[in-house]
Amino acid sequence: MRGHPILGGISGFLFGLFLGISLFLWGVVRLDSEWLVILPFVGLILGVVMAWWAPFGSAGDSSAGSADTSGDAPAPGGGAA
């Protein structure tokens, strides 16, 4: 499995938990609403899925430490023509 699914799950759970608390404090949902129970677990599932799906920091990531290929950087050797 690639990514960091445990870290994604914990982060998603905490995001859902604090989102539910915030919605309650702002008066969007009532305290007896089932959304306050559902949101942390939806966040947990989405966090695991996003951590599994995202290729951040994987060994095959060629963008980390690679040279600029857009043509904006000066040529090596630094001489301006």
Protein backbone atom coordinates (compact mmCIF):
# COMPACT_ATOMS: atom_id res chain seq x y z
CA MET A 1 0.00 0.00 0.00
CA ARG A 2 1.40 3.38 -0.91
CA GLY A 3 1.02 6.65 0.93
CA HIS A 4 0.40 6.97 4.66
CA PRO A 5 -3.06 5.53 5.32
CA ILE A 6 -2.80 5.59 9.12
CA LEU A 7 -1.77 9.24 9.17
CA GLY A 8 -4.51 10.01 6.64
CA GLY A 9 -7.09 8.17 8.74
CA ILE A 10 -6.13 9.99 11.92
CA SER A 11 -6.08 13.35 10.15
CA GLY A 12 -9.41 12.69 8.45
CA PHE A 13 -11.01 11.59 11.71
CA LEU A 14 -9.81 14.70 13.51
CA PHE A 15 -10.92 16.91 10.62
CA GLY A 16 -14.41 15.37 10.69
CA LEU A 17 -14.56 15.64 14.47
CA PHE A 18 -13.60 19.30 14.54
CA LEU A 19 -15.86 20.03 11.57
CA GLY A 20 -18.77 18.54 13.49
CA ILE A 21 -17.88 20.52 16.62
CA SER A 22 -17.59 23.71 14.59
CA LEU A 23 -20.93 23.14 12.89
CA PHE A 24 -22.51 22.60 16.29
CA LEU A 25 -20.93 25.71 17.79
CA TRP A 26 -22.01 27.83 14.81
CA GLY A 27 -25.57 26.60 15.22
CA VAL A 28 -25.73 24.79 11.88
CA VAL A 29 -26.57 21.38 13.41
CA ARG A 30 -28.22 20.49 16.71
CA LEU A 31 -26.55 18.44 19.41
CA ASP A 32 -28.86 15.47 18.80
CA SER A 33 -28.07 15.41 15.07
CA GLU A 34 -26.60 12.20 13.64
CA TRP A 35 -24.20 14.31 11.56
CA LEU A 36 -22.06 14.80 14.65
CA VAL A 37 -21.47 11.04 14.71
CA ILE A 38 -21.24 10.51 10.95
CA LEU A 39 -18.73 13.27 10.08
CA PRO A 40 -15.70 11.87 11.97
CA PHE A 41 -16.12 8.46 10.36
CA VAL A 42 -16.63 9.94 6.89
CA GLY A 43 -13.46 11.94 7.49
CA LEU A 44 -11.64 8.79 8.55
CA ILE A 45 -12.64 6.94 5.39
CA LEU A 46 -11.86 9.89 3.12
CA GLY A 47 -8.51 10.41 4.85
CA VAL A 48 -7.48 6.80 4.29
CA VAL A 49 -8.63 6.88 0.66
CA MET A 50 -6.85 10.14 -0.07
CA ALA A 51 -3.65 8.94 1.63
CA TRP A 52 -3.73 5.72 -0.37
CA TRP A 53 -4.51 7.47 -3.65
CA ALA A 54 -2.13 10.44 -3.41
CA PRO A 55 1.43 9.79 -4.58
CA PHE A 56 2.97 12.40 -2.28
CA GLY A 57 6.53 11.49 -1.38
CA SER A 58 6.55 8.15 -3.17
CA ALA A 59 9.77 6.66 -4.48
CA GLY A 60 8.63 7.10 -8.08
CA ASP A 61 8.03 10.83 -7.68
CA SER A 62 10.29 12.49 -10.24
CA SER A 63 9.43 16.08 -9.33
CA ALA A 64 11.42 16.13 -6.08
CA GLY A 65 14.92 17.35 -6.71
CA SER A 66 14.65 17.32 -10.48
CA ALA A 67 15.97 20.05 -12.72
CA ASP A 68 13.74 22.78 -14.06
CA THR A 69 12.30 21.54 -17.35
CA SER A 70 10.10 24.53 -18.12
CA GLY A 71 12.89 26.45 -19.83
CA ASP A 72 12.73 29.41 -17.43
CA ALA A 73 15.97 28.67 -15.65
CA PRO A 74 19.29 29.89 -17.07
CA ALA A 75 21.50 27.35 -18.75
CA PRO A 76 24.14 25.66 -16.61
CA GLY A 77 27.35 27.61 -17.02
CA GLY A 78 25.56 30.87 -16.36
CA GLY A 79 26.67 32.73 -19.47
CA ALA A 80 24.22 35.26 -20.83
CA ALA A 81 24.42 35.43 -24.59
